[in-house]
N, C-alpha and C. Protein backbone atom coordinates (compact mmCIF):
# COMPACT_ATOMS: atom_id res chain seq x y z
N MET A 1 7.04 -41.21 -31.05
CA MET A 1 5.79 -40.85 -31.71
C MET A 1 5.94 -39.48 -32.34
N ALA A 2 6.90 -39.40 -33.22
CA ALA A 2 7.22 -38.13 -33.86
C ALA A 2 6.09 -37.62 -34.73
N ASN A 3 5.33 -38.50 -35.34
CA ASN A 3 4.26 -38.10 -36.26
C ASN A 3 2.90 -38.09 -35.57
N ARG A 4 2.83 -37.53 -34.38
CA ARG A 4 1.58 -37.51 -33.64
C ARG A 4 0.62 -36.50 -34.24
N THR A 5 -0.65 -36.88 -34.24
CA THR A 5 -1.70 -36.00 -34.70
C THR A 5 -2.52 -35.57 -33.50
N LYS A 6 -3.41 -34.61 -33.72
CA LYS A 6 -4.28 -34.17 -32.63
C LYS A 6 -5.13 -35.33 -32.13
N GLN A 7 -5.60 -36.17 -33.07
CA GLN A 7 -6.41 -37.32 -32.71
C GLN A 7 -5.59 -38.31 -31.88
N THR A 8 -4.34 -38.53 -32.28
CA THR A 8 -3.48 -39.44 -31.52
C THR A 8 -3.24 -38.88 -30.12
N ASP A 9 -2.94 -37.57 -30.04
CA ASP A 9 -2.72 -36.95 -28.73
C ASP A 9 -3.94 -37.11 -27.83
N GLU A 10 -5.14 -36.97 -28.38
CA GLU A 10 -6.36 -37.13 -27.60
C GLU A 10 -6.50 -38.56 -27.12
N ARG A 11 -6.17 -39.51 -27.97
CA ARG A 11 -6.25 -40.92 -27.59
C ARG A 11 -5.22 -41.25 -26.51
N VAL A 12 -4.03 -40.67 -26.63
CA VAL A 12 -3.01 -40.87 -25.60
C VAL A 12 -3.51 -40.35 -24.27
N GLU A 13 -4.10 -39.17 -24.26
CA GLU A 13 -4.62 -38.59 -23.02
C GLU A 13 -5.72 -39.45 -22.41
N VAL A 14 -6.64 -39.93 -23.24
CA VAL A 14 -7.73 -40.78 -22.75
C VAL A 14 -7.17 -42.09 -22.18
N PHE A 15 -6.23 -42.68 -22.92
CA PHE A 15 -5.61 -43.93 -22.48
C PHE A 15 -4.92 -43.75 -21.13
N LEU A 16 -4.07 -42.72 -21.01
CA LEU A 16 -3.32 -42.50 -19.77
C LEU A 16 -4.25 -42.17 -18.60
N ALA A 17 -5.30 -41.42 -18.87
CA ALA A 17 -6.26 -41.09 -17.80
C ALA A 17 -6.95 -42.35 -17.30
N ALA A 18 -7.38 -43.21 -18.21
CA ALA A 18 -8.05 -44.45 -17.81
C ALA A 18 -7.10 -45.37 -17.05
N LEU A 19 -5.86 -45.43 -17.50
CA LEU A 19 -4.86 -46.27 -16.82
C LEU A 19 -4.59 -45.74 -15.41
N SER A 20 -4.54 -44.43 -15.26
CA SER A 20 -4.24 -43.83 -13.95
C SER A 20 -5.42 -43.94 -12.99
N GLU A 21 -6.61 -44.26 -13.51
CA GLU A 21 -7.79 -44.45 -12.66
C GLU A 21 -7.90 -45.88 -12.15
N GLY A 22 -6.91 -46.71 -12.48
CA GLY A 22 -6.92 -48.09 -12.01
C GLY A 22 -7.39 -49.09 -13.04
N GLY A 23 -7.66 -48.62 -14.26
CA GLY A 23 -8.09 -49.53 -15.32
C GLY A 23 -6.95 -50.38 -15.83
N THR A 24 -7.28 -51.49 -16.42
CA THR A 24 -6.28 -52.34 -17.05
C THR A 24 -5.83 -51.70 -18.36
N VAL A 25 -4.74 -52.20 -18.90
CA VAL A 25 -4.26 -51.70 -20.19
C VAL A 25 -5.34 -51.97 -21.25
N THR A 26 -5.97 -53.12 -21.18
CA THR A 26 -7.01 -53.47 -22.14
C THR A 26 -8.19 -52.50 -22.05
N ALA A 27 -8.66 -52.25 -20.83
CA ALA A 27 -9.80 -51.34 -20.65
C ALA A 27 -9.44 -49.91 -21.05
N ALA A 28 -8.23 -49.48 -20.71
CA ALA A 28 -7.79 -48.13 -21.09
C ALA A 28 -7.69 -48.00 -22.60
N ALA A 29 -7.20 -49.03 -23.26
CA ALA A 29 -7.10 -49.01 -24.72
C ALA A 29 -8.48 -48.96 -25.35
N GLU A 30 -9.41 -49.73 -24.83
CA GLU A 30 -10.78 -49.71 -25.35
C GLU A 30 -11.40 -48.32 -25.19
N LYS A 31 -11.17 -47.71 -24.04
CA LYS A 31 -11.70 -46.36 -23.79
C LYS A 31 -11.13 -45.35 -24.78
N ALA A 32 -9.84 -45.53 -25.11
CA ALA A 32 -9.17 -44.61 -26.04
C ALA A 32 -9.41 -44.98 -27.49
N LYS A 33 -10.13 -46.08 -27.70
CA LYS A 33 -10.41 -46.57 -29.06
C LYS A 33 -9.13 -46.88 -29.84
N ILE A 34 -8.22 -47.56 -29.14
CA ILE A 34 -7.00 -48.04 -29.77
C ILE A 34 -6.85 -49.52 -29.42
N GLY A 35 -6.02 -50.20 -30.16
CA GLY A 35 -5.74 -51.59 -29.84
C GLY A 35 -4.81 -51.68 -28.64
N ARG A 36 -4.96 -52.72 -27.86
CA ARG A 36 -4.08 -52.93 -26.71
C ARG A 36 -2.62 -52.96 -27.16
N ARG A 37 -2.37 -53.65 -28.26
CA ARG A 37 -1.01 -53.77 -28.80
C ARG A 37 -0.47 -52.40 -29.19
N THR A 38 -1.33 -51.51 -29.66
CA THR A 38 -0.91 -50.15 -30.03
C THR A 38 -0.29 -49.44 -28.84
N ALA A 39 -0.91 -49.58 -27.68
CA ALA A 39 -0.37 -48.93 -26.47
C ALA A 39 1.04 -49.44 -26.18
N TYR A 40 1.24 -50.74 -26.31
CA TYR A 40 2.57 -51.31 -26.07
C TYR A 40 3.56 -50.91 -27.17
N ASP A 41 3.08 -50.79 -28.40
CA ASP A 41 3.96 -50.32 -29.49
C ASP A 41 4.41 -48.89 -29.23
N TRP A 42 3.48 -48.04 -28.81
CA TRP A 42 3.84 -46.65 -28.49
C TRP A 42 4.86 -46.63 -27.35
N LYS A 43 4.62 -47.46 -26.36
CA LYS A 43 5.52 -47.51 -25.20
C LYS A 43 6.93 -47.92 -25.63
N GLU A 44 7.00 -48.89 -26.51
CA GLU A 44 8.29 -49.39 -26.98
C GLU A 44 9.01 -48.36 -27.85
N ALA A 45 8.26 -47.60 -28.63
CA ALA A 45 8.85 -46.69 -29.61
C ALA A 45 9.17 -45.30 -29.06
N ASP A 46 8.50 -44.92 -27.97
CA ASP A 46 8.61 -43.55 -27.49
C ASP A 46 8.94 -43.51 -26.00
N PRO A 47 10.18 -43.15 -25.64
CA PRO A 47 10.57 -43.11 -24.23
C PRO A 47 9.71 -42.15 -23.40
N GLU A 48 9.28 -41.05 -24.00
CA GLU A 48 8.43 -40.10 -23.27
C GLU A 48 7.09 -40.74 -22.93
N PHE A 49 6.50 -41.43 -23.91
CA PHE A 49 5.23 -42.12 -23.66
C PHE A 49 5.44 -43.24 -22.65
N ALA A 50 6.57 -43.94 -22.75
CA ALA A 50 6.86 -45.04 -21.82
C ALA A 50 6.88 -44.52 -20.38
N ALA A 51 7.48 -43.35 -20.17
CA ALA A 51 7.53 -42.77 -18.82
C ALA A 51 6.13 -42.37 -18.36
N LEU A 52 5.33 -41.79 -19.25
CA LEU A 52 3.96 -41.42 -18.91
C LEU A 52 3.12 -42.66 -18.62
N PHE A 53 3.32 -43.70 -19.42
CA PHE A 53 2.62 -44.97 -19.24
C PHE A 53 2.92 -45.52 -17.85
N GLU A 54 4.19 -45.59 -17.50
CA GLU A 54 4.59 -46.16 -16.19
C GLU A 54 4.05 -45.32 -15.05
N ASP A 55 4.08 -44.00 -15.19
CA ASP A 55 3.54 -43.11 -14.15
C ASP A 55 2.04 -43.34 -13.99
N ALA A 56 1.31 -43.41 -15.10
CA ALA A 56 -0.13 -43.64 -15.04
C ALA A 56 -0.44 -45.01 -14.44
N TYR A 57 0.35 -46.00 -14.80
CA TYR A 57 0.16 -47.35 -14.27
C TYR A 57 0.35 -47.36 -12.75
N GLN A 58 1.40 -46.69 -12.28
CA GLN A 58 1.66 -46.63 -10.84
C GLN A 58 0.57 -45.86 -10.10
N ARG A 59 0.08 -44.77 -10.70
CA ARG A 59 -1.03 -44.03 -10.07
C ARG A 59 -2.28 -44.90 -10.02
N GLY A 60 -2.49 -45.71 -11.05
CA GLY A 60 -3.62 -46.64 -11.07
C GLY A 60 -3.52 -47.66 -9.95
N ILE A 61 -2.32 -48.15 -9.71
CA ILE A 61 -2.11 -49.09 -8.60
C ILE A 61 -2.47 -48.42 -7.28
N ALA A 62 -2.07 -47.16 -7.12
CA ALA A 62 -2.38 -46.42 -5.89
C ALA A 62 -3.90 -46.27 -5.71
N VAL A 63 -4.62 -46.02 -6.80
CA VAL A 63 -6.08 -45.90 -6.73
C VAL A 63 -6.68 -47.23 -6.25
N LEU A 64 -6.20 -48.33 -6.82
CA LEU A 64 -6.71 -49.64 -6.43
C LEU A 64 -6.36 -49.96 -4.98
N GLU A 65 -5.16 -49.59 -4.56
CA GLU A 65 -4.75 -49.82 -3.18
C GLU A 65 -5.61 -49.00 -2.22
N ASP A 66 -5.89 -47.75 -2.58
CA ASP A 66 -6.75 -46.91 -1.74
C ASP A 66 -8.13 -47.55 -1.57
N GLU A 67 -8.66 -48.09 -2.65
CA GLU A 67 -9.97 -48.74 -2.59
C GLU A 67 -9.91 -50.01 -1.73
N ALA A 68 -8.82 -50.77 -1.86
CA ALA A 68 -8.66 -51.96 -1.02
C ALA A 68 -8.59 -51.59 0.45
N VAL A 69 -7.86 -50.53 0.77
CA VAL A 69 -7.76 -50.06 2.16
C VAL A 69 -9.15 -49.65 2.67
N ARG A 70 -9.87 -48.94 1.85
CA ARG A 70 -11.21 -48.49 2.25
C ARG A 70 -12.09 -49.69 2.58
N ARG A 71 -12.09 -50.70 1.71
CA ARG A 71 -12.95 -51.87 1.93
C ARG A 71 -12.46 -52.72 3.10
N ALA A 72 -11.14 -52.84 3.25
CA ALA A 72 -10.59 -53.70 4.30
C ALA A 72 -10.62 -53.04 5.66
N TYR A 73 -10.23 -51.79 5.74
CA TYR A 73 -10.02 -51.11 7.02
C TYR A 73 -11.24 -50.28 7.45
N HIS A 74 -11.78 -49.53 6.51
CA HIS A 74 -12.91 -48.65 6.85
C HIS A 74 -14.25 -49.36 6.68
N GLY A 75 -14.28 -50.36 5.81
CA GLY A 75 -15.50 -51.13 5.61
C GLY A 75 -16.45 -50.51 4.60
N VAL A 76 -17.44 -51.30 4.25
CA VAL A 76 -18.45 -50.90 3.27
C VAL A 76 -19.82 -51.04 3.93
N GLN A 77 -20.66 -50.04 3.77
CA GLN A 77 -22.00 -50.10 4.34
C GLN A 77 -22.91 -50.97 3.46
N ARG A 78 -23.48 -51.99 4.07
CA ARG A 78 -24.41 -52.87 3.37
C ARG A 78 -25.79 -52.71 4.01
N PRO A 79 -26.81 -52.58 3.18
CA PRO A 79 -28.16 -52.42 3.74
C PRO A 79 -28.68 -53.73 4.35
N ILE A 80 -29.49 -53.58 5.37
CA ILE A 80 -30.19 -54.71 5.99
C ILE A 80 -31.68 -54.50 5.67
N TYR A 81 -32.24 -55.51 5.04
CA TYR A 81 -33.65 -55.42 4.65
C TYR A 81 -34.53 -56.21 5.61
N GLN A 82 -35.72 -55.65 5.88
CA GLN A 82 -36.72 -56.33 6.70
C GLN A 82 -38.05 -56.16 5.99
N LYS A 83 -38.60 -57.26 5.53
CA LYS A 83 -39.85 -57.24 4.76
C LYS A 83 -39.74 -56.35 3.54
N GLY A 84 -38.59 -56.42 2.86
CA GLY A 84 -38.40 -55.69 1.61
C GLY A 84 -38.06 -54.22 1.77
N VAL A 85 -37.91 -53.75 3.00
CA VAL A 85 -37.61 -52.35 3.27
C VAL A 85 -36.27 -52.28 4.01
N ILE A 86 -35.48 -51.27 3.67
CA ILE A 86 -34.20 -51.10 4.36
C ILE A 86 -34.46 -50.73 5.81
N ALA A 87 -33.96 -51.58 6.72
CA ALA A 87 -34.17 -51.36 8.14
C ALA A 87 -32.93 -50.77 8.81
N GLY A 88 -31.84 -50.76 8.10
CA GLY A 88 -30.60 -50.24 8.65
C GLY A 88 -29.42 -50.65 7.79
N HIS A 89 -28.26 -50.43 8.32
CA HIS A 89 -27.03 -50.78 7.60
C HIS A 89 -26.05 -51.45 8.56
N VAL A 90 -25.18 -52.26 8.00
CA VAL A 90 -24.11 -52.88 8.77
C VAL A 90 -22.81 -52.64 8.00
N THR A 91 -21.74 -52.41 8.75
CA THR A 91 -20.44 -52.21 8.11
C THR A 91 -19.76 -53.56 7.95
N GLU A 92 -19.40 -53.90 6.70
CA GLU A 92 -18.70 -55.15 6.41
C GLU A 92 -17.26 -54.82 6.04
N TYR A 93 -16.35 -55.63 6.56
CA TYR A 93 -14.93 -55.46 6.29
C TYR A 93 -14.44 -56.66 5.49
N SER A 94 -13.36 -56.48 4.75
CA SER A 94 -12.81 -57.58 3.96
C SER A 94 -11.51 -58.07 4.58
N ASP A 95 -11.60 -59.23 5.24
CA ASP A 95 -10.41 -59.82 5.84
C ASP A 95 -9.38 -60.21 4.78
N SER A 96 -9.86 -60.71 3.64
CA SER A 96 -8.92 -61.14 2.60
C SER A 96 -8.17 -59.95 2.00
N LEU A 97 -8.85 -58.83 1.80
CA LEU A 97 -8.15 -57.64 1.31
C LEU A 97 -7.14 -57.15 2.34
N LEU A 98 -7.51 -57.20 3.61
CA LEU A 98 -6.60 -56.78 4.67
C LEU A 98 -5.34 -57.64 4.66
N MET A 99 -5.50 -58.95 4.47
CA MET A 99 -4.34 -59.85 4.43
C MET A 99 -3.46 -59.53 3.22
N PHE A 100 -4.06 -59.28 2.07
CA PHE A 100 -3.27 -58.91 0.89
C PHE A 100 -2.49 -57.63 1.13
N LEU A 101 -3.11 -56.66 1.77
CA LEU A 101 -2.42 -55.41 2.07
C LEU A 101 -1.25 -55.64 3.02
N LEU A 102 -1.47 -56.45 4.04
CA LEU A 102 -0.38 -56.76 4.97
C LEU A 102 0.76 -57.49 4.25
N LYS A 103 0.42 -58.45 3.41
CA LYS A 103 1.45 -59.20 2.67
C LYS A 103 2.25 -58.29 1.76
N SER A 104 1.59 -57.32 1.16
CA SER A 104 2.31 -56.44 0.22
C SER A 104 3.23 -55.46 0.94
N ARG A 105 2.92 -55.16 2.20
CA ARG A 105 3.69 -54.13 2.91
C ARG A 105 4.71 -54.67 3.91
N ASP A 106 4.51 -55.89 4.37
CA ASP A 106 5.39 -56.40 5.42
C ASP A 106 5.77 -57.84 5.12
N PRO A 107 7.05 -58.11 4.92
CA PRO A 107 7.49 -59.47 4.58
C PRO A 107 7.11 -60.52 5.60
N ARG A 108 6.89 -60.13 6.84
CA ARG A 108 6.51 -61.11 7.87
C ARG A 108 5.20 -61.81 7.54
N PHE A 109 4.34 -61.18 6.75
CA PHE A 109 3.03 -61.74 6.44
C PHE A 109 3.00 -62.47 5.10
N ARG A 110 4.09 -62.47 4.38
CA ARG A 110 4.14 -63.10 3.07
C ARG A 110 4.28 -64.60 3.19
N ASP A 111 3.78 -65.30 2.19
CA ASP A 111 3.94 -66.74 2.14
C ASP A 111 5.41 -67.06 1.94
N LYS A 112 5.88 -68.06 2.63
CA LYS A 112 7.29 -68.45 2.53
C LYS A 112 7.43 -69.43 1.38
N THR A 113 8.23 -69.08 0.39
CA THR A 113 8.47 -69.96 -0.74
C THR A 113 9.95 -69.99 -1.05
N SER A 114 10.35 -71.07 -1.65
CA SER A 114 11.74 -71.20 -2.06
C SER A 114 11.76 -71.90 -3.41
N VAL A 115 12.51 -71.37 -4.34
CA VAL A 115 12.61 -71.95 -5.66
C VAL A 115 14.08 -72.16 -5.98
N GLU A 116 14.39 -73.38 -6.39
CA GLU A 116 15.77 -73.67 -6.80
C GLU A 116 15.71 -74.25 -8.20
N MET A 117 16.50 -73.70 -9.09
CA MET A 117 16.50 -74.18 -10.46
C MET A 117 17.93 -74.55 -10.85
N THR A 118 18.02 -75.57 -11.68
CA THR A 118 19.33 -75.98 -12.18
C THR A 118 19.26 -76.11 -13.69
N GLY A 119 20.42 -76.10 -14.29
CA GLY A 119 20.51 -76.26 -15.74
C GLY A 119 20.60 -77.72 -16.12
N LYS A 120 21.10 -77.98 -17.30
CA LYS A 120 21.21 -79.32 -17.85
C LYS A 120 22.03 -80.22 -16.92
N ASP A 121 21.53 -81.43 -16.70
CA ASP A 121 22.19 -82.44 -15.86
C ASP A 121 22.48 -81.93 -14.45
N GLY A 122 21.65 -81.05 -13.92
CA GLY A 122 21.81 -80.56 -12.57
C GLY A 122 22.87 -79.49 -12.41
N GLY A 123 23.46 -79.05 -13.50
CA GLY A 123 24.50 -78.02 -13.44
C GLY A 123 23.91 -76.63 -13.37
N PRO A 124 24.77 -75.62 -13.41
CA PRO A 124 24.28 -74.24 -13.33
C PRO A 124 23.54 -73.83 -14.61
N ILE A 125 22.67 -72.85 -14.46
CA ILE A 125 21.95 -72.31 -15.60
C ILE A 125 22.87 -71.32 -16.31
N LYS A 126 23.04 -71.50 -17.60
CA LYS A 126 23.91 -70.61 -18.36
C LYS A 126 23.16 -69.34 -18.72
N THR A 127 23.76 -68.20 -18.44
CA THR A 127 23.12 -66.91 -18.70
C THR A 127 23.97 -66.04 -19.61
N ASP A 128 24.91 -66.64 -20.31
CA ASP A 128 25.77 -65.86 -21.20
C ASP A 128 24.92 -65.08 -22.20
N GLY A 129 25.20 -63.80 -22.32
CA GLY A 129 24.53 -62.97 -23.31
C GLY A 129 23.16 -62.47 -22.91
N ILE A 130 22.69 -62.78 -21.73
CA ILE A 130 21.37 -62.31 -21.30
C ILE A 130 21.56 -61.04 -20.48
N ASP A 131 20.94 -59.95 -20.94
CA ASP A 131 21.04 -58.67 -20.22
C ASP A 131 19.63 -58.26 -19.81
N LEU A 132 19.24 -58.59 -18.57
CA LEU A 132 17.90 -58.30 -18.08
C LEU A 132 17.65 -56.81 -17.90
N SER A 133 18.70 -56.01 -17.84
CA SER A 133 18.52 -54.56 -17.65
C SER A 133 17.85 -53.90 -18.84
N LYS A 134 17.83 -54.56 -19.97
CA LYS A 134 17.22 -53.98 -21.17
C LYS A 134 15.72 -54.29 -21.27
N LEU A 135 15.23 -55.13 -20.35
CA LEU A 135 13.81 -55.49 -20.38
C LEU A 135 12.96 -54.42 -19.70
N SER A 136 11.75 -54.25 -20.22
CA SER A 136 10.80 -53.31 -19.61
C SER A 136 10.24 -53.94 -18.33
N THR A 137 9.53 -53.12 -17.55
CA THR A 137 8.89 -53.62 -16.34
C THR A 137 7.91 -54.73 -16.67
N ASP A 138 7.12 -54.54 -17.72
CA ASP A 138 6.15 -55.57 -18.12
C ASP A 138 6.85 -56.85 -18.54
N GLU A 139 7.94 -56.73 -19.28
CA GLU A 139 8.68 -57.91 -19.71
C GLU A 139 9.29 -58.65 -18.52
N LEU A 140 9.79 -57.91 -17.54
CA LEU A 140 10.34 -58.54 -16.34
C LEU A 140 9.25 -59.25 -15.55
N ARG A 141 8.06 -58.62 -15.46
CA ARG A 141 6.94 -59.26 -14.77
C ARG A 141 6.55 -60.56 -15.48
N ASN A 142 6.50 -60.51 -16.81
CA ASN A 142 6.16 -61.71 -17.58
C ASN A 142 7.20 -62.80 -17.38
N LEU A 143 8.47 -62.44 -17.41
CA LEU A 143 9.55 -63.40 -17.22
C LEU A 143 9.45 -64.04 -15.84
N LEU A 144 9.18 -63.24 -14.82
CA LEU A 144 9.04 -63.76 -13.46
C LEU A 144 7.85 -64.71 -13.37
N SER A 145 6.76 -64.35 -14.01
CA SER A 145 5.57 -65.19 -14.00
C SER A 145 5.83 -66.53 -14.68
N ILE A 146 6.49 -66.48 -15.84
CA ILE A 146 6.82 -67.70 -16.58
C ILE A 146 7.74 -68.59 -15.75
N THR A 147 8.74 -67.97 -15.14
CA THR A 147 9.70 -68.72 -14.32
C THR A 147 9.00 -69.38 -13.13
N ALA A 148 8.11 -68.65 -12.49
CA ALA A 148 7.40 -69.19 -11.33
C ALA A 148 6.51 -70.37 -11.75
N ARG A 149 5.80 -70.23 -12.89
CA ARG A 149 4.95 -71.33 -13.36
C ARG A 149 5.79 -72.55 -13.70
N ALA A 150 6.94 -72.33 -14.34
CA ALA A 150 7.82 -73.45 -14.68
C ALA A 150 8.33 -74.14 -13.43
N ALA A 151 8.66 -73.37 -12.42
CA ALA A 151 9.17 -73.95 -11.17
C ALA A 151 8.07 -74.76 -10.48
N LEU A 152 6.82 -74.30 -10.55
CA LEU A 152 5.71 -75.04 -9.94
C LEU A 152 5.47 -76.35 -10.65
N LYS A 153 5.61 -76.36 -11.98
CA LYS A 153 5.41 -77.59 -12.75
C LYS A 153 6.48 -78.64 -12.40
N VAL A 154 7.69 -78.17 -12.15
CA VAL A 154 8.80 -79.08 -11.82
C VAL A 154 8.58 -79.66 -10.43
N ALA A 155 8.07 -78.84 -9.51
CA ALA A 155 7.88 -79.29 -8.13
C ALA A 155 6.72 -80.18 -8.02
């Protein structure tokens, strides 16, 4: 992003701040008044922005994880009404969030899955010329998602 303007710099800051607060790329782009694709174009064209993007994305994940821990472990106060008036509060916990947290941190709690893929006529899959090290984190996530969906369709 060699030709950055003050306006572009401000949009970059707004975008990265929103992303680091746990927002999606789409929501962060809307907040920064840029197109979602623009954020990915900047990421692809500018290694410095790509590093900032990844850092903001990871901080956003941490924000979301902190909120999940709060709801699952510490609970959320919900009001109890009696005749239209708050009579007290009860702490509600999220068992499903707790399970997701356990699954993400400890392999013992993860679902057991196995995927086997073969190439043409049951032979090996040819990977000549494919260099996965050149793919971005988002591209690798997309590839994994596509592969998993394809494996489910076959099964």
